[in-house]
PDB file of N, CA and C in Angstrom:
ATOM      1  N   MET A   1     -24.622 -51.095 -69.961  1.00  0.00           N
ATOM      2  CA  MET A   1     -25.588 -52.367 -69.933  1.00  0.00           C
ATOM      3  C   MET A   1     -24.881 -53.661 -69.205  1.00  0.00           C
ATOM      4  N   GLY A   2     -23.486 -53.408 -69.543  1.00  0.00           N
ATOM      5  CA  GLY A   2     -23.126 -54.969 -68.852  1.00  0.00           C
ATOM      6  C   GLY A   2     -22.701 -54.690 -67.513  1.00  0.00           C
ATOM      7  N   ARG A   3     -23.024 -53.269 -67.027  1.00  0.00           N
ATOM      8  CA  ARG A   3     -22.759 -53.220 -65.786  1.00  0.00           C
ATOM      9  C   ARG A   3     -24.213 -53.957 -64.793  1.00  0.00           C
ATOM     10  N   ILE A   4     -25.012 -53.180 -65.501  1.00  0.00           N
ATOM     11  CA  ILE A   4     -26.326 -53.339 -64.909  1.00  0.00           C
ATOM     12  C   ILE A   4     -26.681 -54.470 -64.838  1.00  0.00           C
ATOM     13  N   THR A   5     -26.144 -55.578 -66.230  1.00  0.00           N
ATOM     14  CA  THR A   5     -26.331 -57.021 -66.355  1.00  0.00           C
ATOM     15  C   THR A   5     -25.318 -57.437 -65.493  1.00  0.00           C
ATOM     16  N   GLY A   6     -24.223 -57.065 -64.644  1.00  0.00           N
ATOM     17  CA  GLY A   6     -23.548 -58.218 -64.221  1.00  0.00           C
ATOM     18  C   GLY A   6     -22.466 -59.045 -64.570  1.00  0.00           C
ATOM     19  N   LYS A   7     -22.550 -58.348 -66.278  1.00  0.00           N
ATOM     20  CA  LYS A   7     -21.552 -59.436 -67.398  1.00  0.00           C
ATOM     21  C   LYS A   7     -20.069 -59.198 -67.093  1.00  0.00           C
ATOM     22  N   LYS A   8     -19.322 -60.000 -66.948  1.00  0.00           N
ATOM     23  CA  LYS A   8     -17.650 -59.706 -66.877  1.00  0.00           C
ATOM     24  C   LYS A   8     -17.357 -59.052 -68.837  1.00  0.00           C
ATOM     25  N   PRO A   9     -16.504 -58.125 -68.297  1.00  0.00           N
ATOM     26  CA  PRO A   9     -16.068 -57.764 -69.747  1.00  0.00           C
ATOM     27  C   PRO A   9     -15.767 -58.575 -70.516  1.00  0.00           C
ATOM     28  N   GLU A  10     -15.127 -59.632 -70.910  1.00  0.00           N
ATOM     29  CA  GLU A  10     -14.853 -60.658 -71.927  1.00  0.00           C
ATOM     30  C   GLU A  10     -16.439 -61.178 -72.531  1.00  0.00           C
ATOM     31  N   GLU A  11     -17.126 -60.841 -71.881  1.00  0.00           N
ATOM     32  CA  GLU A  11     -18.915 -61.345 -72.038  1.00  0.00           C
ATOM     33  C   GLU A  11     -19.623 -59.999 -73.072  1.00  0.00           C
ATOM     34  N   ILE A  12     -19.142 -59.249 -72.742  1.00  0.00           N
ATOM     35  CA  ILE A  12     -20.111 -57.822 -73.714  1.00  0.00           C
ATOM     36  C   ILE A  12     -19.952 -57.849 -75.269  1.00  0.00           C
ATOM     37  N   ASN A  13     -20.907 -57.677 -75.817  1.00  0.00           N
ATOM     38  CA  ASN A  13     -21.422 -58.147 -76.833  1.00  0.00           C
ATOM     39  C   ASN A  13     -21.957 -56.372 -77.358  1.00  0.00           C
ATOM     40  N   GLU A  14     -21.670 -55.865 -78.325  1.00  0.00           N
ATOM     41  CA  GLU A  14     -22.329 -54.792 -79.333  1.00  0.00           C
ATOM     42  C   GLU A  14     -23.872 -55.040 -79.458  1.00  0.00           C
ATOM     43  N   LEU A  15     -24.693 -54.217 -78.484  1.00  0.00           N
ATOM     44  CA  LEU A  15     -25.640 -54.381 -78.524  1.00  0.00           C
ATOM     45  C   LEU A  15     -26.820 -54.233 -80.109  1.00  0.00           C
ATOM     46  N   ASN A  16     -27.517 -55.596 -80.144  1.00  0.00           N
ATOM     47  CA  ASN A  16     -27.760 -55.820 -81.631  1.00  0.00           C
ATOM     48  C   ASN A  16     -29.783 -55.759 -81.552  1.00  0.00           C
ATOM     49  N   ILE A  17     -29.793 -55.389 -82.800  1.00  0.00           N
ATOM     50  CA  ILE A  17     -31.504 -55.355 -82.609  1.00  0.00           C
ATOM     51  C   ILE A  17     -32.297 -56.292 -82.081  1.00  0.00           C
ATOM     52  N   ASN A  18     -32.241 -57.483 -81.875  1.00  0.00           N
ATOM     53  CA  ASN A  18     -32.752 -58.845 -81.648  1.00  0.00           C
ATOM     54  C   ASN A  18     -32.115 -58.468 -79.598  1.00  0.00           C
ATOM     55  N   ASP A  19     -31.271 -58.360 -79.251  1.00  0.00           N
ATOM     56  CA  ASP A  19     -30.828 -58.323 -78.049  1.00  0.00           C
ATOM     57  C   ASP A  19     -32.199 -58.577 -77.076  1.00  0.00           C
ATOM     58  N   GLU A  20     -31.576 -59.585 -75.844  1.00  0.00           N
ATOM     59  CA  GLU A  20     -32.608 -59.018 -75.099  1.00  0.00           C
ATOM     60  C   GLU A  20     -33.098 -58.042 -74.336  1.00  0.00           C
ATOM     61  N   LEU A  21     -32.027 -57.939 -73.821  1.00  0.00           N
ATOM     62  CA  LEU A  21     -31.525 -56.458 -73.166  1.00  0.00           C
ATOM     63  C   LEU A  21     -32.473 -55.263 -74.208  1.00  0.00           C
ATOM     64  N   ARG A  22     -33.084 -55.369 -74.878  1.00  0.00           N
ATOM     65  CA  ARG A  22     -33.882 -54.358 -75.410  1.00  0.00           C
ATOM     66  C   ARG A  22     -35.273 -54.864 -75.193  1.00  0.00           C
ATOM     67  N   LYS A  23     -35.640 -55.556 -74.784  1.00  0.00           N
ATOM     68  CA  LYS A  23     -36.731 -55.980 -74.145  1.00  0.00           C
ATOM     69  C   LYS A  23     -36.838 -55.496 -72.441  1.00  0.00           C
ATOM     70  N   GLU A  24     -35.940 -55.947 -71.734  1.00  0.00           N
ATOM     71  CA  GLU A  24     -35.792 -55.631 -70.431  1.00  0.00           C
ATOM     72  C   GLU A  24     -35.495 -54.149 -69.883  1.00  0.00           C
ATOM     73  N   PHE A  25     -35.098 -53.735 -71.173  1.00  0.00           N
ATOM     74  CA  PHE A  25     -34.220 -52.587 -70.328  1.00  0.00           C
ATOM     75  C   PHE A  25     -35.211 -51.626 -71.993  1.00  0.00           C
ATOM     76  N   PRO A  26     -36.407 -51.018 -72.448  1.00  0.00           N
ATOM     77  CA  PRO A  26     -36.423 -50.913 -73.645  1.00  0.00           C
ATOM     78  C   PRO A  26     -36.541 -48.674 -73.648  1.00  0.00           C
ATOM     79  N   LYS A  27     -36.921 -48.492 -72.375  1.00  0.00           N
ATOM     80  CA  LYS A  27     -36.063 -47.376 -73.024  1.00  0.00           C
ATOM     81  C   LYS A  27     -35.115 -46.389 -72.645  1.00  0.00           C
ATOM     82  N   LEU A  28     -33.611 -47.455 -72.177  1.00  0.00           N
ATOM     83  CA  LEU A  28     -32.744 -47.004 -72.237  1.00  0.00           C
ATOM     84  C   LEU A  28     -31.791 -47.672 -73.279  1.00  0.00           C
ATOM     85  N   THR A  29     -32.688 -48.504 -74.015  1.00  0.00           N
ATOM     86  CA  THR A  29     -31.913 -48.501 -75.220  1.00  0.00           C
ATOM     87  C   THR A  29     -32.658 -47.790 -76.390  1.00  0.00           C
ATOM     88  N   GLU A  30     -33.313 -47.600 -76.418  1.00  0.00           N
ATOM     89  CA  GLU A  30     -33.465 -46.781 -77.320  1.00  0.00           C
ATOM     90  C   GLU A  30     -33.001 -45.043 -77.105  1.00  0.00           C
ATOM     91  N   PHE A  31     -32.772 -44.898 -76.554  1.00  0.00           N
ATOM     92  CA  PHE A  31     -31.989 -43.467 -75.845  1.00  0.00           C
ATOM     93  C   PHE A  31     -30.514 -43.823 -76.228  1.00  0.00           C
ATOM     94  N   LEU A  32     -30.050 -44.773 -76.246  1.00  0.00           N
ATOM     95  CA  LEU A  32     -28.593 -45.458 -76.813  1.00  0.00           C
ATOM     96  C   LEU A  32     -28.739 -45.710 -78.246  1.00  0.00           C
ATOM     97  N   ASP A  33     -29.797 -46.068 -78.695  1.00  0.00           N
ATOM     98  CA  ASP A  33     -30.113 -45.695 -79.777  1.00  0.00           C
ATOM     99  C   ASP A  33     -29.759 -44.182 -81.203  1.00  0.00           C
ATOM    100  N   THR A  34     -30.741 -43.694 -79.923  1.00  0.00           N
ATOM    101  CA  THR A  34     -31.005 -42.262 -80.373  1.00  0.00           C
ATOM    102  C   THR A  34     -29.098 -41.005 -80.570  1.00  0.00           C
ATOM    103  N   MET A  35     -28.398 -41.473 -79.424  1.00  0.00           N
ATOM    104  CA  MET A  35     -27.289 -40.572 -78.819  1.00  0.00           C
ATOM    105  C   MET A  35     -26.188 -41.337 -80.146  1.00  0.00           C
ATOM    106  N   ARG A  36     -26.514 -42.709 -80.514  1.00  0.00           N
ATOM    107  CA  ARG A  36     -25.549 -43.308 -80.912  1.00  0.00           C
ATOM    108  C   ARG A  36     -25.517 -42.186 -82.673  1.00  0.00           C
ATOM    109  N   LYS A  37     -26.722 -41.890 -82.914  1.00  0.00           N
ATOM    110  CA  LYS A  37     -26.883 -41.334 -83.997  1.00  0.00           C
ATOM    111  C   LYS A  37     -26.298 -39.715 -84.105  1.00  0.00           C
ATOM    112  N   GLN A  38     -25.527 -39.606 -83.182  1.00  0.00           N
ATOM    113  CA  GLN A  38     -25.784 -38.134 -82.881  1.00  0.00           C
ATOM    114  C   GLN A  38     -24.201 -37.934 -83.532  1.00  0.00           C
ATOM    115  N   SER A  39     -24.191 -36.938 -84.059  1.00  0.00           N
ATOM    116  CA  SER A  39     -22.475 -36.803 -85.050  1.00  0.00           C
ATOM    117  C   SER A  39     -21.551 -36.974 -83.705  1.00  0.00           C
ATOM    118  N   PHE A  40     -22.013 -35.549 -83.343  1.00  0.00           N
ATOM    119  CA  PHE A  40     -20.959 -35.681 -82.003  1.00  0.00           C
ATOM    120  C   PHE A  40     -20.499 -37.053 -81.018  1.00  0.00           C
ATOM    121  N   VAL A  41     -21.191 -38.001 -81.056  1.00  0.00           N
ATOM    122  CA  VAL A  41     -20.982 -38.859 -80.449  1.00  0.00           C
ATOM    123  C   VAL A  41     -20.417 -39.704 -81.190  1.00  0.00           C
ATOM    124  N   ILE A  42     -20.610 -39.644 -82.020  1.00  0.00           N
ATOM    125  CA  ILE A  42     -20.132 -40.913 -83.733  1.00  0.00           C
ATOM    126  C   ILE A  42     -18.349 -40.702 -83.270  1.00  0.00           C
ATOM    127  N   ASP A  43     -18.065 -38.905 -83.127  1.00  0.00           N
ATOM    128  CA  ASP A  43     -16.498 -38.524 -83.402  1.00  0.00           C
ATOM    129  C   ASP A  43     -15.837 -39.280 -81.934  1.00  0.00           C
ATOM    130  N   VAL A  44     -16.984 -39.160 -81.307  1.00  0.00           N
ATOM    131  CA  VAL A  44     -16.169 -40.068 -80.296  1.00  0.00           C
ATOM    132  C   VAL A  44     -16.092 -40.886 -79.653  1.00  0.00           C
ATOM    133  N   THR A  45     -16.596 -41.740 -80.186  1.00  0.00           N
ATOM    134  CA  THR A  45     -16.565 -43.259 -79.499  1.00  0.00           C
ATOM    135  C   THR A  45     -16.143 -44.227 -79.721  1.00  0.00           C
ATOM    136  N   ILE A  46     -15.874 -44.925 -78.937  1.00  0.00           N
ATOM    137  CA  ILE A  46     -14.128 -45.769 -78.821  1.00  0.00           C
ATOM    138  C   ILE A  46     -15.426 -47.252 -79.687  1.00  0.00           C
ATOM    139  N   PRO A  47     -14.624 -48.262 -79.600  1.00  0.00           N
ATOM    140  CA  PRO A  47     -15.421 -49.212 -80.148  1.00  0.00           C
ATOM    141  C   PRO A  47     -15.222 -50.364 -78.458  1.00  0.00           C
ATOM    142  N   TYR A  48     -16.670 -51.298 -78.168  1.00  0.00           N
ATOM    143  CA  TYR A  48     -16.655 -51.895 -77.428  1.00  0.00           C
ATOM    144  C   TYR A  48     -15.890 -52.937 -77.294  1.00  0.00           C
ATOM    145  N   ARG A  49     -14.470 -53.315 -78.537  1.00  0.00           N
ATOM    146  CA  ARG A  49     -13.907 -54.273 -77.960  1.00  0.00           C
ATOM    147  C   ARG A  49     -12.604 -53.615 -77.402  1.00  0.00           C
ATOM    148  N   ILE A  50     -12.552 -51.974 -77.361  1.00  0.00           N
ATOM    149  CA  ILE A  50     -11.482 -51.464 -77.150  1.00  0.00           C
ATOM    150  C   ILE A  50     -11.656 -51.555 -75.185  1.00  0.00           C
ATOM    151  N   HIS A  51     -12.954 -50.804 -75.195  1.00  0.00           N
ATOM    152  CA  HIS A  51     -13.477 -51.236 -73.414  1.00  0.00           C
ATOM    153  C   HIS A  51     -13.094 -52.211 -73.103  1.00  0.00           C
ATOM    154  N   VAL A  52     -13.487 -52.823 -73.152  1.00  0.00           N
ATOM    155  CA  VAL A  52     -13.622 -54.257 -72.865  1.00  0.00           C
ATOM    156  C   VAL A  52     -12.463 -55.003 -72.838  1.00  0.00           C
ATOM    157  N   GLN A  53     -11.187 -54.758 -73.504  1.00  0.00           N
ATOM    158  CA  GLN A  53     -10.219 -54.899 -72.955  1.00  0.00           C
ATOM    159  C   GLN A  53      -9.181 -54.076 -71.803  1.00  0.00           C
ATOM    160  N   TYR A  54      -9.819 -52.898 -72.490  1.00  0.00           N
ATOM    161  CA  TYR A  54      -9.075 -52.272 -70.948  1.00  0.00           C
ATOM    162  C   TYR A  54      -9.876 -52.769 -69.801  1.00  0.00           C
ATOM    163  N   ALA A  55     -11.036 -52.956 -69.940  1.00  0.00           N
ATOM    164  CA  ALA A  55     -11.879 -53.124 -68.498  1.00  0.00           C
ATOM    165  C   ALA A  55     -11.041 -54.143 -68.093  1.00  0.00           C
ATOM    166  N   ALA A  56     -10.689 -55.553 -69.128  1.00  0.00           N
ATOM    167  CA  ALA A  56     -10.160 -56.533 -68.212  1.00  0.00           C
ATOM    168  C   ALA A  56      -8.124 -56.312 -67.955  1.00  0.00           C
ATOM    169  N   SER A  57      -8.110 -55.432 -68.241  1.00  0.00           N
ATOM    170  CA  SER A  57      -6.855 -55.098 -68.030  1.00  0.00           C
ATOM    171  C   SER A  57      -6.414 -54.543 -66.335  1.00  0.00           C
ATOM    172  N   VAL A  58      -7.788 -53.797 -66.358  1.00  0.00           N
ATOM    173  CA  VAL A  58      -7.984 -53.246 -65.261  1.00  0.00           C
ATOM    174  C   VAL A  58      -8.524 -54.272 -64.290  1.00  0.00           C
ATOM    175  N   LEU A  59      -9.518 -55.282 -64.717  1.00  0.00           N
ATOM    176  CA  LEU A  59      -9.646 -55.756 -63.039  1.00  0.00           C
ATOM    177  C   LEU A  59      -8.729 -57.311 -63.145  1.00  0.00           C
ATOM    178  N   SER A  60      -7.478 -57.161 -63.936  1.00  0.00           N
ATOM    179  CA  SER A  60      -6.737 -58.118 -63.510  1.00  0.00           C
ATOM    180  C   SER A  60      -5.420 -57.304 -62.968  1.00  0.00           C
ATOM    181  N   GLY A  61      -5.816 -56.098 -62.536  1.00  0.00           N
ATOM    182  CA  GLY A  61      -4.502 -55.874 -61.863  1.00  0.00           C
ATOM    183  C   GLY A  61      -3.189 -54.910 -62.529  1.00  0.00           C
ATOM    184  N   HIS A  62      -3.570 -55.199 -63.878  1.00  0.00           N
ATOM    185  CA  HIS A  62      -2.476 -54.014 -64.825  1.00  0.00           C
ATOM    186  C   HIS A  62      -3.036 -53.722 -66.210  1.00  0.00           C
ATOM    187  N   ALA A  63      -3.883 -52.327 -65.315  1.00  0.00           N
ATOM    188  CA  ALA A  63      -4.563 -51.168 -65.993  1.00  0.00           C
ATOM    189  C   ALA A  63      -3.176 -51.338 -67.327  1.00  0.00           C
ATOM    190  N   ASN A  64      -3.766 -51.236 -68.289  1.00  0.00           N
ATOM    191  CA  ASN A  64      -3.354 -50.871 -69.460  1.00  0.00           C
ATOM    192  C   ASN A  64      -3.631 -49.634 -70.328  1.00  0.00           C
ATOM    193  N   PRO A  65      -3.498 -48.430 -70.253  1.00  0.00           N
ATOM    194  CA  PRO A  65      -3.829 -47.355 -71.109  1.00  0.00           C
ATOM    195  C   PRO A  65      -3.547 -47.281 -72.434  1.00  0.00           C
ATOM    196  N   ASP A  66      -2.637 -48.394 -72.745  1.00  0.00           N
ATOM    197  CA  ASP A  66      -2.738 -48.449 -73.804  1.00  0.00           C
ATOM    198  C   ASP A  66      -3.226 -49.013 -75.753  1.00  0.00           C
ATOM    199  N   ILE A  67      -3.838 -49.502 -74.839  1.00  0.00           N
ATOM    200  CA  ILE A  67      -4.641 -50.995 -75.735  1.00  0.00           C
ATOM    201  C   ILE A  67      -5.630 -49.785 -76.908  1.00  0.00           C
ATOM    202  N   GLU A  68      -5.259 -50.443 -77.902  1.00  0.00           N
ATOM    203  CA  GLU A  68      -5.815 -49.279 -79.456  1.00  0.00           C
ATOM    204  C   GLU A  68      -6.449 -50.720 -79.659  1.00  0.00           C
TER     205      GLU A  68
END
């Protein structure tokens, strides 16, 4: 969603129930909610905080694959 809306990595938050993006992209957010409930997705999901930290490291020119 951050790429669609043009947000910077440090501006990305977990999509919450009252998020404005739900009104703008209802089908996409419904799909995301459905997928997040699947056990195979839950098993491999990486917290957004980790994605944001890694994206920020890539954008800074110093990609750090060891961010945990």
